[in-house]
Amino acid sequence: MNVTYVKVEGIWMYYYRGVDNNGDIVDFYLSEYRDENAARAFLKKAIATNGFL
């Protein structure tokens, strides 16, 4: 998992992304907050969409 801070339509947000062994993006999640709840939400979404990472 990688987290970076980006501006989306004029609003600064945290961009969470998961990548595979080849460096391809598996899933992503945008959040106003960088905390445990945001990380958990990203992981739940990624696992639900792609199976166990």
Protein backbone atom coordinates (compact mmCIF):
# COMPACT_ATOMS: atom_id res chain seq x y z
CA MET A 1 0.00 0.00 0.00
CA ASN A 2 1.21 3.47 -0.89
CA VAL A 3 -0.23 6.77 0.34
CA THR A 4 0.35 10.18 -1.18
CA TYR A 5 -1.29 13.60 -0.94
CA VAL A 6 -2.90 14.92 -4.16
CA LYS A 7 -5.21 17.76 -5.18
CA VAL A 8 -8.51 16.57 -6.68
CA GLU A 9 -10.81 19.26 -8.10
CA GLY A 10 -9.23 21.84 -5.78
CA ILE A 11 -9.42 19.69 -2.64
CA TRP A 12 -6.35 18.06 -1.08
CA MET A 13 -6.94 14.35 -0.46
CA TYR A 14 -4.97 11.25 0.47
CA TYR A 15 -4.58 8.79 -2.39
CA TYR A 16 -4.21 5.19 -1.17
CA ARG A 17 -3.17 2.64 -3.77
CA GLY A 18 -2.31 -1.01 -3.81
CA VAL A 19 0.12 -2.40 -6.37
CA ASP A 20 0.96 -5.94 -7.43
CA ASN A 21 4.39 -7.52 -7.91
CA ASN A 22 4.64 -6.00 -11.40
CA GLY A 23 3.93 -2.49 -10.10
CA ASP A 24 0.45 -2.37 -11.63
CA ILE A 25 -2.25 -0.60 -9.62
CA VAL A 26 -4.66 -3.15 -8.16
CA ASP A 27 -7.04 -0.72 -6.43
CA PHE A 28 -7.17 2.84 -5.10
CA TYR A 29 -9.08 4.89 -2.54
CA LEU A 30 -9.38 8.66 -1.99
CA SER A 31 -9.90 10.04 1.51
CA GLU A 32 -9.82 13.41 3.20
CA TYR A 33 -8.12 11.75 6.16
CA ARG A 34 -4.96 9.73 6.67
CA ASP A 35 -5.82 7.55 9.62
CA GLU A 36 -6.57 3.98 10.60
CA ASN A 37 -10.19 4.18 9.46
CA ALA A 38 -9.17 5.31 5.97
CA ALA A 39 -6.56 2.55 5.70
CA ARG A 40 -9.07 -0.07 6.82
CA ALA A 41 -11.65 1.21 4.31
CA PHE A 42 -9.09 0.95 1.52
CA LEU A 43 -8.09 -2.59 2.45
CA LYS A 44 -11.71 -3.75 2.76
CA LYS A 45 -12.51 -2.27 -0.68
CA ALA A 46 -9.39 -3.76 -2.29
CA ILE A 47 -10.00 -7.23 -0.86
CA ALA A 48 -13.70 -7.18 -1.77
CA THR A 49 -12.86 -6.19 -5.34
CA ASN A 50 -9.75 -8.28 -5.96
CA GLY A 51 -9.72 -11.02 -3.37
CA PHE A 52 -6.95 -11.41 -0.81
CA LEU A 53 -3.93 -9.29 -1.83
